[in-house]
Amino acid sequence: MAPSSPVRRGPYAKSAERRAEIIASATAIFSAHGYRGGSLRQIAGELGLSLTTLMHHFPTKVSLLAAVLEQEDAADADFPHRARREGLIPAVLGVVRRNLERRELVRMFSIVSAEATYPAHEAHEWLQRRYAAVTADYATLIAYDRDHGRIAPGSPDVTALAGLIITGWEGIQIRWLADGADPVGAMELLLTTLLRPTGPPPPPGGSGGLFPPHELSS
């Protein structure tokens, strides 16, 4: 039988592969040196690329950081399934515990979120889309827990509760970054106060994503 011809990769596949390499390098450098300490030139040098080539894929440092954070979300695509299986409270606490090992990534998320509050900022629309997606996902999971008797029934709107959880989580993370205040205990108190669980939560499973994960299909 005649040997088959090698499969040729098109320009799209090569571009996607290059983007993945850049994101992986940026994740490592930002994690080691922080967002301020890592530069586009340093990331390009690690990969043997010119700065022009890197900026063809990511024109700015913020656009690259947004891609890093989105990949962190993708790393925890199982979050909604864990939340339905275990309950939202233990699933969220699992992410908080995981984030203790990724201080610089959490710091970067906090930095870009604060900077992107300006309407003219290049990541402003990304931040708005992210808040909308996460709020919708958490509202769905809160409603699921209510329907299954895991949390007390009540009048607070699930969307309002989801927004409070997200806002509180960001504040708790900033306090942890600033002075080391325990984020797990604070987050557990916030969740139990807002959601009023009906029984002891099961032990949390593993988690891989950065705060706050959301379903990729959203």
Protein backbone atom coordinates (compact mmCIF):
# COMPACT_ATOMS: atom_id res chain seq x y z
CA MET A 1 0.00 0.00 0.00
CA ALA A 2 1.34 3.41 -0.92
CA PRO A 3 2.30 5.58 2.07
CA SER A 4 -0.15 8.34 2.86
CA SER A 5 0.86 11.92 2.35
CA PRO A 6 1.63 13.85 5.53
CA VAL A 7 -1.20 15.99 6.77
CA ARG A 8 -0.47 19.63 6.07
CA ARG A 9 -1.41 22.13 8.71
CA GLY A 10 -3.17 25.19 7.41
CA PRO A 11 -2.35 28.72 8.50
CA TYR A 12 -5.22 28.72 11.01
CA ALA A 13 -3.86 25.62 12.80
CA LYS A 14 -0.36 27.09 12.91
CA SER A 15 -1.69 30.38 14.23
CA ALA A 16 -3.73 28.62 16.94
CA GLU A 17 -0.69 26.60 17.96
CA ARG A 18 1.46 29.72 18.16
CA ARG A 19 -1.17 31.51 20.26
CA ALA A 20 -1.28 28.54 22.65
CA GLU A 21 2.52 28.64 23.00
CA ILE A 22 2.46 32.36 23.74
CA ILE A 23 -0.30 31.98 26.35
CA ALA A 24 1.58 29.13 28.05
CA SER A 25 4.78 31.17 28.20
CA ALA A 26 2.91 34.24 29.45
CA THR A 27 1.22 32.20 32.18
CA ALA A 28 4.60 30.95 33.43
CA ILE A 29 6.26 34.37 33.30
CA PHE A 30 3.36 36.28 34.84
CA SER A 31 3.07 33.65 37.58
CA ALA A 32 6.77 33.92 38.40
CA HIS A 33 7.28 37.67 38.03
CA GLY A 34 3.80 39.18 38.26
CA TYR A 35 1.98 41.20 35.65
CA ARG A 36 4.21 44.25 36.13
CA GLY A 37 7.40 42.20 36.18
CA GLY A 38 6.77 40.25 32.97
CA SER A 39 7.06 41.99 29.60
CA LEU A 40 5.96 41.14 26.07
CA ARG A 41 9.60 41.30 25.00
CA GLN A 42 10.56 38.77 27.69
CA ILE A 43 7.77 36.40 26.62
CA ALA A 44 8.79 36.72 22.96
CA GLY A 45 12.42 36.01 23.88
CA GLU A 46 11.46 32.85 25.77
CA LEU A 47 9.84 31.52 22.60
CA GLY A 48 12.52 32.74 20.18
CA LEU A 49 10.06 35.13 18.54
CA SER A 50 10.38 38.74 17.54
CA LEU A 51 8.29 41.24 19.45
CA THR A 52 6.50 42.05 16.17
CA THR A 53 5.48 38.42 15.73
CA LEU A 54 4.11 38.18 19.27
CA MET A 55 2.19 41.44 18.86
CA HIS A 56 0.61 40.11 15.69
CA HIS A 57 -1.24 37.65 17.93
CA PHE A 58 -1.58 39.86 21.03
CA PRO A 59 -1.22 43.58 20.26
CA THR A 60 -1.05 44.60 23.92
CA LYS A 61 -0.06 43.18 27.27
CA VAL A 62 -3.64 43.46 28.51
CA SER A 63 -4.99 41.41 25.59
CA LEU A 64 -2.46 38.69 26.42
CA LEU A 65 -3.38 38.77 30.10
CA ALA A 66 -7.06 38.42 29.20
CA ALA A 67 -6.18 35.34 27.14
CA VAL A 68 -4.26 33.88 30.10
CA LEU A 69 -7.24 34.41 32.41
CA GLU A 70 -9.67 32.92 29.88
CA GLN A 71 -7.46 29.82 29.63
CA GLU A 72 -7.57 29.51 33.41
CA ASP A 73 -11.36 29.40 33.12
CA ALA A 74 -11.11 26.71 30.45
CA ALA A 75 -8.93 24.63 32.79
CA ASP A 76 -11.91 24.24 35.10
CA ALA A 77 -14.66 23.43 32.61
CA ASP A 78 -15.99 20.81 35.07
CA PHE A 79 -16.95 23.45 37.65
CA PRO A 80 -20.70 23.59 36.84
CA HIS A 81 -20.91 19.79 36.97
CA ARG A 82 -19.14 19.70 40.35
CA ALA A 83 -21.43 22.41 41.65
CA ARG A 84 -24.50 20.41 40.66
CA ARG A 85 -23.04 17.23 42.09
CA GLU A 86 -21.67 18.63 45.39
CA GLY A 87 -23.44 21.96 45.76
CA LEU A 88 -22.32 25.46 44.88
CA ILE A 89 -20.80 26.22 48.30
CA PRO A 90 -18.24 23.39 48.39
CA ALA A 91 -17.47 23.87 44.68
CA VAL A 92 -16.68 27.56 45.19
CA LEU A 93 -14.62 26.87 48.33
CA GLY A 94 -12.60 24.36 46.32
CA VAL A 95 -11.68 27.14 43.89
CA VAL A 96 -10.77 29.49 46.75
CA ARG A 97 -8.43 26.84 48.21
CA ARG A 98 -6.88 26.23 44.81
CA ASN A 99 -6.26 29.94 44.35
CA LEU A 100 -4.09 29.98 47.48
CA GLU A 101 -1.43 28.33 45.34
CA ARG A 102 -1.72 30.92 42.54
CA ARG A 103 -1.29 34.25 44.25
CA GLU A 104 0.20 36.05 41.24
CA LEU A 105 -2.56 34.92 38.89
CA VAL A 106 -5.16 36.14 41.38
CA ARG A 107 -3.27 39.43 41.66
CA MET A 108 -3.27 39.79 37.88
CA PHE A 109 -7.01 39.19 37.72
CA SER A 110 -7.55 41.86 40.36
CA ILE A 111 -5.32 44.34 38.53
CA VAL A 112 -6.87 43.94 35.10
CA SER A 113 -10.40 43.98 36.58
CA ALA A 114 -9.72 47.28 38.37
CA GLU A 115 -8.09 48.88 35.34
CA ALA A 116 -10.84 47.68 33.00
CA THR A 117 -13.54 49.56 34.92
CA TYR A 118 -12.68 52.59 32.78
CA PRO A 119 -15.06 52.57 29.77
CA ALA A 120 -12.23 53.45 27.36
CA HIS A 121 -10.02 50.58 28.55
CA GLU A 122 -9.39 47.88 25.95
CA ALA A 123 -10.52 45.14 28.36
CA HIS A 124 -13.70 46.94 29.46
CA GLU A 125 -16.05 44.96 27.20
CA TRP A 126 -14.30 41.70 28.14
CA LEU A 127 -14.88 42.47 31.82
CA GLN A 128 -18.54 43.30 31.24
CA ARG A 129 -19.09 40.06 29.29
CA ARG A 130 -17.36 38.09 32.01
CA TYR A 131 -19.45 39.56 34.81
CA ALA A 132 -22.65 38.90 32.84
CA ALA A 133 -21.67 35.28 32.11
CA VAL A 134 -20.53 34.48 35.64
CA THR A 135 -23.60 36.08 37.21
CA ALA A 136 -25.93 34.09 34.97
CA ASP A 137 -24.08 30.84 35.67
CA TYR A 138 -24.10 31.34 39.44
CA ALA A 139 -27.77 32.33 39.45
CA THR A 140 -28.57 29.06 37.65
CA LEU A 141 -26.54 27.04 40.18
CA ILE A 142 -28.15 28.81 43.15
CA ALA A 143 -31.59 28.01 41.73
CA TYR A 144 -30.49 24.39 41.24
CA ASP A 145 -29.41 24.10 44.89
CA ARG A 146 -32.68 25.65 46.05
CA ASP A 147 -34.71 23.24 43.95
CA HIS A 148 -32.77 20.31 45.43
CA GLY A 149 -33.14 21.46 49.05
CA ARG A 150 -29.46 22.20 49.62
CA ILE A 151 -30.09 25.81 50.60
CA ALA A 152 -33.04 27.40 52.33
CA PRO A 153 -35.88 28.70 50.20
CA GLY A 154 -36.35 32.44 50.38
CA SER A 155 -37.28 35.63 48.65
CA PRO A 156 -33.87 37.00 47.55
CA ASP A 157 -33.56 36.95 43.77
CA VAL A 158 -30.99 34.40 42.60
CA THR A 159 -29.38 36.92 40.24
CA ALA A 160 -28.96 39.41 43.08
CA LEU A 161 -27.45 36.69 45.27
CA ALA A 162 -25.06 35.69 42.49
CA GLY A 163 -23.93 39.30 42.13
CA LEU A 164 -23.31 39.62 45.87
CA ILE A 165 -21.24 36.42 45.91
CA ILE A 166 -19.08 37.59 43.01
CA THR A 167 -18.60 41.07 44.47
CA GLY A 168 -17.81 39.69 47.92
CA TRP A 169 -15.37 37.16 46.48
CA GLU A 170 -13.39 39.88 44.71
CA GLY A 171 -13.17 41.93 47.90
CA ILE A 172 -12.08 38.91 49.92
CA GLN A 173 -9.33 38.13 47.41
CA ILE A 174 -8.05 41.72 47.47
CA ARG A 175 -7.92 41.66 51.28
CA TRP A 176 -5.98 38.36 51.13
CA LEU A 177 -3.51 39.87 48.65
CA ALA A 178 -3.10 42.96 50.83
CA ASP A 179 -2.63 41.52 54.30
CA GLY A 180 -3.01 37.75 54.16
CA ALA A 181 -6.49 37.59 55.72
CA ASP A 182 -7.88 34.05 55.43
CA PRO A 183 -9.94 33.95 52.21
CA VAL A 184 -11.35 30.46 52.77
CA GLY A 185 -12.93 31.25 56.13
CA ALA A 186 -14.22 34.60 54.89
CA MET A 187 -15.70 33.08 51.76
CA GLU A 188 -17.33 30.25 53.69
CA LEU A 189 -18.95 32.79 56.03
CA LEU A 190 -20.16 34.86 53.09
CA LEU A 191 -21.65 31.86 51.27
CA THR A 192 -23.36 30.36 54.31
CA THR A 193 -24.78 33.73 55.33
CA LEU A 194 -26.19 34.51 51.90
CA LEU A 195 -27.32 31.03 50.84
CA ARG A 196 -28.24 29.47 54.22
CA PRO A 197 -27.38 25.80 53.58
CA THR A 198 -29.81 23.27 55.04
CA GLY A 199 -27.13 20.79 56.11
CA PRO A 200 -23.35 20.33 56.36
CA PRO A 201 -21.76 20.63 52.91
CA PRO A 202 -19.83 17.67 51.48
CA PRO A 203 -16.05 17.98 51.23
CA PRO A 204 -15.02 19.99 48.15
CA GLY A 205 -13.62 18.30 45.07
CA GLY A 206 -10.63 19.43 43.06
CA SER A 207 -10.74 22.63 41.07
CA GLY A 208 -8.53 24.11 38.43
CA GLY A 209 -9.96 27.42 37.36
CA LEU A 210 -9.37 30.93 38.52
CA PHE A 211 -12.06 32.99 40.22
CA PRO A 212 -14.80 32.93 39.23
CA PRO A 213 -15.23 30.03 36.80
CA HIS A 214 -18.10 29.98 34.36
CA GLU A 215 -19.51 27.61 31.79
CA LEU A 216 -17.72 27.92 28.48
CA SER A 217 -20.98 27.47 26.62
CA SER A 218 -22.33 30.70 28.07
